């Protein structure tokens, strides 16, 4: 089970970016990653432009967010925040 305390939401990911590139980008900034996921459209398989990263150590999640939020990956400014757990039964308003 993924710990919500270690999980980050990453928004505005370049559409060509995959899981390995996202993980590598975090590791280049000094963070050990145990899991990286880029969310893809169920029909087309194309990136939806956001994903999640699970850090190995949450010793200072706030500092990680402050360091990486607003940084660039392949020319795009990323949004990095603490991930909020899904609420069972909630409606997904982003679905087309």
N, C-alpha and C. Protein backbone atom coordinates (compact mmCIF):
# COMPACT_ATOMS: atom_id res chain seq x y z
N UNK A 1 0.85 -1.20 0.00
CA UNK A 1 0.00 0.00 0.00
C UNK A 1 0.88 1.24 0.00
N UNK A 2 0.54 2.18 -0.84
CA UNK A 2 1.32 3.42 -0.94
C UNK A 2 0.98 4.34 0.22
N UNK A 3 1.99 4.87 0.85
CA UNK A 3 1.78 5.79 1.95
C UNK A 3 1.49 7.19 1.41
N UNK A 4 0.36 7.76 1.80
CA UNK A 4 0.00 9.10 1.35
C UNK A 4 1.01 10.14 1.85
N UNK A 5 1.70 9.84 2.95
CA UNK A 5 2.66 10.79 3.50
C UNK A 5 3.89 10.97 2.60
N UNK A 6 4.15 10.00 1.74
CA UNK A 6 5.33 10.04 0.89
C UNK A 6 4.99 10.38 -0.56
N UNK A 7 3.74 10.56 -0.85
CA UNK A 7 3.29 10.67 -2.24
C UNK A 7 3.11 12.14 -2.65
N UNK A 8 3.64 12.46 -3.82
CA UNK A 8 3.53 13.81 -4.37
C UNK A 8 2.71 13.79 -5.66
N UNK A 9 1.92 14.83 -5.84
CA UNK A 9 1.24 15.07 -7.11
C UNK A 9 2.17 15.93 -7.95
N UNK A 10 2.32 15.59 -9.24
CA UNK A 10 3.16 16.36 -10.14
C UNK A 10 2.30 16.74 -11.35
N UNK A 11 2.10 18.04 -11.54
CA UNK A 11 1.26 18.52 -12.63
C UNK A 11 2.07 19.23 -13.70
N UNK A 12 1.48 19.37 -14.88
CA UNK A 12 2.07 20.04 -16.05
C UNK A 12 3.28 19.27 -16.59
N UNK A 13 3.24 17.94 -16.47
CA UNK A 13 4.31 17.09 -16.99
C UNK A 13 4.28 17.14 -18.52
N UNK A 14 5.44 17.29 -19.16
CA UNK A 14 5.46 17.25 -20.63
C UNK A 14 4.84 15.93 -21.14
N UNK A 15 4.06 16.01 -22.19
CA UNK A 15 3.35 14.83 -22.67
C UNK A 15 4.27 13.72 -23.15
N UNK A 16 5.50 14.05 -23.53
CA UNK A 16 6.46 13.03 -23.97
C UNK A 16 7.18 12.37 -22.80
N UNK A 17 6.96 12.86 -21.59
CA UNK A 17 7.66 12.36 -20.41
C UNK A 17 7.01 11.07 -19.90
N UNK A 18 7.84 10.06 -19.66
CA UNK A 18 7.35 8.80 -19.10
C UNK A 18 7.77 8.65 -17.65
N UNK A 19 7.43 7.52 -17.08
CA UNK A 19 7.73 7.26 -15.68
C UNK A 19 9.22 7.32 -15.37
N UNK A 20 10.04 6.71 -16.25
CA UNK A 20 11.48 6.68 -16.00
C UNK A 20 12.08 8.08 -16.02
N UNK A 21 11.65 8.92 -16.96
CA UNK A 21 12.17 10.28 -17.03
C UNK A 21 11.75 11.09 -15.80
N UNK A 22 10.51 10.91 -15.36
CA UNK A 22 10.02 11.62 -14.18
C UNK A 22 10.81 11.19 -12.94
N UNK A 23 11.01 9.89 -12.79
CA UNK A 23 11.79 9.38 -11.65
C UNK A 23 13.22 9.91 -11.70
N UNK A 24 13.82 9.88 -12.86
CA UNK A 24 15.20 10.35 -13.02
C UNK A 24 15.31 11.84 -12.67
N UNK A 25 14.32 12.64 -13.06
CA UNK A 25 14.34 14.08 -12.77
C UNK A 25 14.35 14.32 -11.26
N UNK A 26 13.52 13.59 -10.52
CA UNK A 26 13.51 13.72 -9.06
C UNK A 26 14.84 13.29 -8.47
N UNK A 27 15.39 12.19 -8.99
CA UNK A 27 16.67 11.69 -8.47
C UNK A 27 17.82 12.65 -8.77
N UNK A 28 17.76 13.32 -9.92
CA UNK A 28 18.78 14.34 -10.25
C UNK A 28 18.76 15.49 -9.23
N UNK A 29 17.60 15.72 -8.62
CA UNK A 29 17.46 16.77 -7.62
C UNK A 29 17.69 16.25 -6.20
N UNK A 30 18.21 15.02 -6.09
CA UNK A 30 18.62 14.50 -4.79
C UNK A 30 17.56 13.74 -4.00
N UNK A 31 16.52 13.26 -4.66
CA UNK A 31 15.44 12.57 -3.97
C UNK A 31 15.35 11.12 -4.41
N UNK A 32 15.30 10.21 -3.45
CA UNK A 32 15.15 8.79 -3.75
C UNK A 32 13.68 8.49 -4.00
N UNK A 33 13.40 7.91 -5.15
CA UNK A 33 12.03 7.63 -5.58
C UNK A 33 11.79 6.12 -5.56
N UNK A 34 10.68 5.70 -4.98
CA UNK A 34 10.32 4.29 -4.99
C UNK A 34 9.27 3.98 -6.04
N UNK A 35 8.60 5.02 -6.56
CA UNK A 35 7.51 4.80 -7.49
C UNK A 35 7.24 6.10 -8.24
N UNK A 36 7.09 6.00 -9.56
CA UNK A 36 6.69 7.16 -10.37
C UNK A 36 5.63 6.68 -11.35
N UNK A 37 4.60 7.49 -11.51
CA UNK A 37 3.50 7.13 -12.41
C UNK A 37 3.05 8.36 -13.17
N UNK A 38 2.94 8.24 -14.48
CA UNK A 38 2.35 9.27 -15.32
C UNK A 38 0.96 8.77 -15.68
N UNK A 39 -0.06 9.56 -15.39
CA UNK A 39 -1.44 9.15 -15.66
C UNK A 39 -1.72 9.29 -17.16
N UNK A 40 -2.30 8.23 -17.71
CA UNK A 40 -2.56 8.18 -19.15
C UNK A 40 -4.06 8.04 -19.43
N UNK A 41 -4.46 8.56 -20.58
CA UNK A 41 -5.83 8.42 -21.04
C UNK A 41 -6.13 6.94 -21.28
N UNK A 42 -7.25 6.46 -20.78
CA UNK A 42 -7.58 5.03 -20.91
C UNK A 42 -7.77 4.61 -22.36
N UNK A 43 -8.25 5.50 -23.21
CA UNK A 43 -8.54 5.15 -24.60
C UNK A 43 -7.30 5.29 -25.48
N UNK A 44 -6.65 6.44 -25.41
CA UNK A 44 -5.54 6.72 -26.33
C UNK A 44 -4.18 6.27 -25.79
N UNK A 45 -4.06 6.16 -24.46
CA UNK A 45 -2.76 5.82 -23.87
C UNK A 45 -1.83 7.01 -23.77
N UNK A 46 -2.27 8.19 -24.19
CA UNK A 46 -1.45 9.39 -24.14
C UNK A 46 -1.44 9.96 -22.72
N UNK A 47 -0.34 10.61 -22.37
CA UNK A 47 -0.22 11.24 -21.07
C UNK A 47 -1.30 12.29 -20.88
N UNK A 48 -1.83 12.35 -19.66
CA UNK A 48 -2.81 13.40 -19.32
C UNK A 48 -2.12 14.62 -18.72
N UNK A 49 -0.78 14.59 -18.63
CA UNK A 49 -0.03 15.76 -18.19
C UNK A 49 0.16 15.87 -16.68
N UNK A 50 -0.16 14.79 -15.96
CA UNK A 50 0.09 14.80 -14.52
C UNK A 50 0.41 13.38 -14.06
N UNK A 51 0.92 13.29 -12.85
CA UNK A 51 1.26 11.98 -12.32
C UNK A 51 1.57 12.06 -10.83
N UNK A 52 2.14 10.98 -10.33
CA UNK A 52 2.45 10.86 -8.91
C UNK A 52 3.84 10.28 -8.73
N UNK A 53 4.50 10.73 -7.68
CA UNK A 53 5.82 10.22 -7.32
C UNK A 53 5.78 9.87 -5.84
N UNK A 54 6.30 8.70 -5.51
CA UNK A 54 6.41 8.31 -4.11
C UNK A 54 7.88 8.37 -3.72
N UNK A 55 8.16 9.13 -2.68
CA UNK A 55 9.53 9.28 -2.20
C UNK A 55 9.87 8.16 -1.23
N UNK A 56 11.14 7.79 -1.20
CA UNK A 56 11.60 6.75 -0.28
C UNK A 56 11.59 7.26 1.15
N UNK A 57 11.89 8.55 1.31
CA UNK A 57 12.01 9.13 2.65
C UNK A 57 11.26 10.45 2.71
N UNK A 58 10.36 10.57 3.66
CA UNK A 58 9.57 11.80 3.78
C UNK A 58 10.10 12.67 4.91
N UNK A 59 11.41 12.63 5.13
CA UNK A 59 11.97 13.39 6.26
C UNK A 59 11.64 14.86 6.16
N UNK A 60 11.49 15.39 4.95
CA UNK A 60 11.09 16.79 4.84
C UNK A 60 10.33 17.00 3.54
N UNK A 61 9.12 16.50 3.52
CA UNK A 61 8.28 16.59 2.32
C UNK A 61 8.06 18.05 1.92
N UNK A 62 7.85 18.91 2.91
CA UNK A 62 7.61 20.33 2.63
C UNK A 62 8.80 20.94 1.90
N UNK A 63 10.01 20.62 2.33
CA UNK A 63 11.21 21.15 1.67
C UNK A 63 11.34 20.64 0.24
N UNK A 64 10.96 19.38 0.02
CA UNK A 64 10.99 18.81 -1.34
C UNK A 64 10.03 19.56 -2.24
N UNK A 65 8.82 19.81 -1.73
CA UNK A 65 7.83 20.56 -2.51
C UNK A 65 8.34 21.97 -2.81
N UNK A 66 8.89 22.63 -1.79
CA UNK A 66 9.40 23.99 -1.99
C UNK A 66 10.56 24.01 -2.99
N UNK A 67 11.39 22.98 -2.98
CA UNK A 67 12.53 22.91 -3.89
C UNK A 67 12.09 22.68 -5.33
N UNK A 68 11.11 21.80 -5.54
CA UNK A 68 10.79 21.35 -6.90
C UNK A 68 9.58 22.02 -7.53
N UNK A 69 8.66 22.55 -6.75
CA UNK A 69 7.49 23.22 -7.32
C UNK A 69 7.96 24.45 -8.10
N UNK A 70 7.54 24.54 -9.36
CA UNK A 70 7.94 25.67 -10.19
C UNK A 70 9.22 25.44 -11.00
N UNK A 71 9.87 24.29 -10.79
CA UNK A 71 11.05 23.97 -11.58
C UNK A 71 10.63 23.47 -12.96
N UNK A 72 11.57 23.48 -13.90
CA UNK A 72 11.27 23.09 -15.28
C UNK A 72 11.73 21.67 -15.59
N UNK A 73 10.89 20.98 -16.36
CA UNK A 73 11.22 19.68 -16.92
C UNK A 73 10.89 19.76 -18.40
N UNK A 74 11.89 19.64 -19.25
CA UNK A 74 11.72 19.73 -20.70
C UNK A 74 10.95 20.99 -21.09
N UNK A 75 11.27 22.11 -20.43
CA UNK A 75 10.70 23.40 -20.79
C UNK A 75 9.36 23.71 -20.14
N UNK A 76 8.79 22.77 -19.40
CA UNK A 76 7.49 23.03 -18.76
C UNK A 76 7.68 23.23 -17.27
N UNK A 77 6.96 24.19 -16.71
CA UNK A 77 7.03 24.48 -15.28
C UNK A 77 6.12 23.50 -14.55
N UNK A 78 6.71 22.72 -13.66
CA UNK A 78 5.95 21.69 -12.95
C UNK A 78 5.26 22.24 -11.71
N UNK A 79 4.14 21.63 -11.39
CA UNK A 79 3.45 21.86 -10.12
C UNK A 79 3.72 20.63 -9.27
N UNK A 80 4.29 20.83 -8.09
CA UNK A 80 4.57 19.71 -7.19
C UNK A 80 3.91 20.02 -5.85
N UNK A 81 3.02 19.14 -5.43
CA UNK A 81 2.28 19.29 -4.18
C UNK A 81 2.15 17.94 -3.49
N UNK A 82 1.79 17.96 -2.21
CA UNK A 82 1.47 16.72 -1.52
C UNK A 82 0.21 16.15 -2.18
N UNK A 83 0.23 14.85 -2.45
CA UNK A 83 -0.94 14.21 -3.06
C UNK A 83 -2.03 14.06 -2.01
N UNK A 84 -3.26 14.28 -2.43
CA UNK A 84 -4.38 14.07 -1.52
C UNK A 84 -5.01 12.73 -1.85
N UNK A 85 -5.32 11.94 -0.83
CA UNK A 85 -5.91 10.62 -1.08
C UNK A 85 -7.27 10.75 -1.75
N UNK A 86 -7.58 9.77 -2.60
CA UNK A 86 -8.89 9.73 -3.22
C UNK A 86 -9.94 9.42 -2.18
N UNK A 87 -11.10 10.05 -2.34
CA UNK A 87 -12.22 9.76 -1.45
C UNK A 87 -13.09 8.72 -2.13
N UNK A 88 -13.29 7.56 -1.51
CA UNK A 88 -14.13 6.53 -2.15
C UNK A 88 -15.51 7.06 -2.47
N UNK A 89 -15.96 6.78 -3.69
CA UNK A 89 -17.31 7.22 -4.10
C UNK A 89 -17.35 8.62 -4.65
N UNK A 90 -16.20 9.32 -4.71
CA UNK A 90 -16.22 10.69 -5.23
C UNK A 90 -16.31 10.66 -6.75
N UNK A 91 -16.83 11.72 -7.31
CA UNK A 91 -17.01 11.83 -8.75
C UNK A 91 -15.78 12.47 -9.35
N UNK A 92 -15.28 11.90 -10.43
CA UNK A 92 -14.13 12.45 -11.13
C UNK A 92 -14.62 13.48 -12.14
N UNK A 93 -14.45 14.75 -11.83
CA UNK A 93 -14.95 15.82 -12.70
C UNK A 93 -14.01 16.12 -13.85
N UNK A 94 -12.82 15.49 -13.90
CA UNK A 94 -11.89 15.77 -14.99
C UNK A 94 -12.12 14.86 -16.17
N UNK A 95 -12.94 13.83 -16.04
CA UNK A 95 -13.19 12.90 -17.14
C UNK A 95 -14.01 13.59 -18.22
N UNK A 96 -13.67 13.29 -19.46
CA UNK A 96 -14.38 13.90 -20.59
C UNK A 96 -15.61 13.08 -20.96
